[in-house]
Protein backbone atom coordinates (compact mmCIF):
# COMPACT_ATOMS: atom_id res chain seq x y z
CA UNK A 1 -18.75 3.48 27.32
CA UNK A 2 -17.93 0.93 28.47
CA UNK A 3 -13.85 -0.14 28.05
CA UNK A 4 -14.29 -2.21 24.45
CA UNK A 5 -16.42 0.76 22.93
CA UNK A 6 -13.48 2.74 23.85
CA UNK A 7 -10.54 0.61 22.47
CA UNK A 8 -13.10 0.29 19.11
CA UNK A 9 -13.69 3.99 18.24
CA UNK A 10 -9.92 4.97 19.25
CA UNK A 11 -8.78 1.80 16.79
CA UNK A 12 -10.99 3.57 14.04
CA UNK A 13 -9.67 6.99 15.31
CA UNK A 14 -5.71 5.03 14.80
CA UNK A 15 -6.71 3.50 11.43
CA UNK A 16 -7.96 7.42 10.82
CA UNK A 17 -4.81 9.41 11.39
CA UNK A 18 -2.68 6.28 9.93
CA UNK A 19 -4.45 6.70 6.53
CA UNK A 20 -3.51 10.56 6.98
CA UNK A 21 -0.49 10.46 7.13
CA UNK A 22 -0.15 7.79 4.72
CA UNK A 23 -1.46 10.33 2.24
CA UNK A 24 -0.01 13.31 3.28
CA UNK A 25 3.58 11.44 2.36
CA UNK A 26 2.21 9.62 -0.79
CA UNK A 27 3.75 11.26 -3.74
CA UNK A 28 1.49 9.47 -5.85
CA UNK A 29 0.50 11.63 -8.76
CA UNK A 30 -3.20 11.38 -8.77
CA UNK A 31 -4.73 13.00 -12.33
CA UNK A 32 -7.78 14.52 -10.00
CA UNK A 33 -8.84 14.83 -6.74
CA UNK A 34 -11.21 12.30 -7.12
CA UNK A 35 -7.98 10.13 -7.22
CA UNK A 36 -7.68 10.63 -5.06
CA UNK A 37 -10.02 10.76 -2.52
CA UNK A 38 -10.82 6.64 -3.64
CA UNK A 39 -7.37 6.52 -2.63
CA UNK A 40 -7.54 7.74 1.02
CA UNK A 41 -10.77 6.81 1.08
CA UNK A 42 -9.98 2.25 -0.10
CA UNK A 43 -6.89 2.34 3.06
CA UNK A 44 -9.41 3.27 5.68
CA UNK A 45 -12.47 0.81 4.39
CA UNK A 46 -9.58 -1.76 3.82
CA UNK A 47 -8.25 -1.61 6.94
CA UNK A 48 -11.30 -1.06 9.68
CA UNK A 49 -12.53 -4.20 7.57
CA UNK A 50 -9.08 -5.40 9.01
CA UNK A 51 -10.42 -4.89 12.44
CA UNK A 52 -13.71 -6.15 12.21
CA UNK A 53 -11.86 -9.02 11.09
CA UNK A 54 -9.75 -9.20 14.40
CA UNK A 55 -6.21 -7.92 12.59
CA UNK A 56 -5.17 -4.37 13.84
CA UNK A 57 -5.80 -4.08 17.56
CA UNK A 58 -5.32 -6.21 19.89
CA UNK A 59 -7.94 -5.19 22.62
CA UNK A 60 -10.52 -5.06 20.42
CA UNK A 61 -10.52 -8.50 18.67
CA UNK A 62 -12.54 -9.69 15.78
CA UNK A 63 -15.87 -8.83 15.66
CA UNK A 64 -19.05 -9.56 14.45
CA UNK A 65 -22.52 -7.63 12.31
CA UNK A 66 -25.83 -8.99 13.44
CA UNK A 67 -28.88 -7.59 11.10
CA UNK A 68 -31.68 -7.47 14.78
CA UNK A 69 -34.84 -7.73 12.74
CA UNK A 70 -33.21 -11.52 11.31
CA UNK A 71 -29.79 -13.07 13.73
CA UNK A 72 -27.76 -13.04 10.51
CA UNK A 73 -24.09 -12.13 11.12
CA UNK A 74 -21.82 -10.64 8.63
CA UNK A 75 -19.13 -12.97 9.28
CA UNK A 76 -21.02 -16.35 8.56
CA UNK A 77 -21.97 -19.12 6.02
CA UNK A 78 -19.45 -19.01 4.36
CA UNK A 79 -16.80 -17.41 7.29
CA UNK A 80 -15.75 -14.52 5.42
CA UNK A 81 -12.41 -12.81 5.82
CA UNK A 82 -14.13 -8.96 5.67
CA UNK A 83 -10.79 -7.40 4.35
CA UNK A 84 -10.92 -10.17 1.48
CA UNK A 85 -13.35 -9.53 0.36
CA UNK A 86 -14.11 -6.02 0.30
CA UNK A 87 -12.00 -5.32 -2.52
CA UNK A 88 -14.22 -6.87 -4.49
CA UNK A 89 -16.52 -4.11 -4.18
CA UNK A 90 -14.54 -0.96 -3.79
CA UNK A 91 -12.66 1.36 -5.76
CA UNK A 92 -9.21 1.77 -5.85
CA UNK A 93 -6.77 4.18 -7.63
């Protein structure tokens, strides 16, 4: 693997570890396992979107995802911040 790939995957690992640590220290009383899982996965997904937007790890920087078959960019037209938009799509409890 190249250094960018290693940095990206390490950043993902760090996100997972941070979110698990936060969840373990969280005193929130959930009514079900489902609520707890939505909470943790929300945090992980949101932080991954932040990583793609260029927040969170200076070694990784801003990342664009391009659909190979069409050349469409996930981040253009309009130029969006994925971490701002994702909250409209995923459930947080």
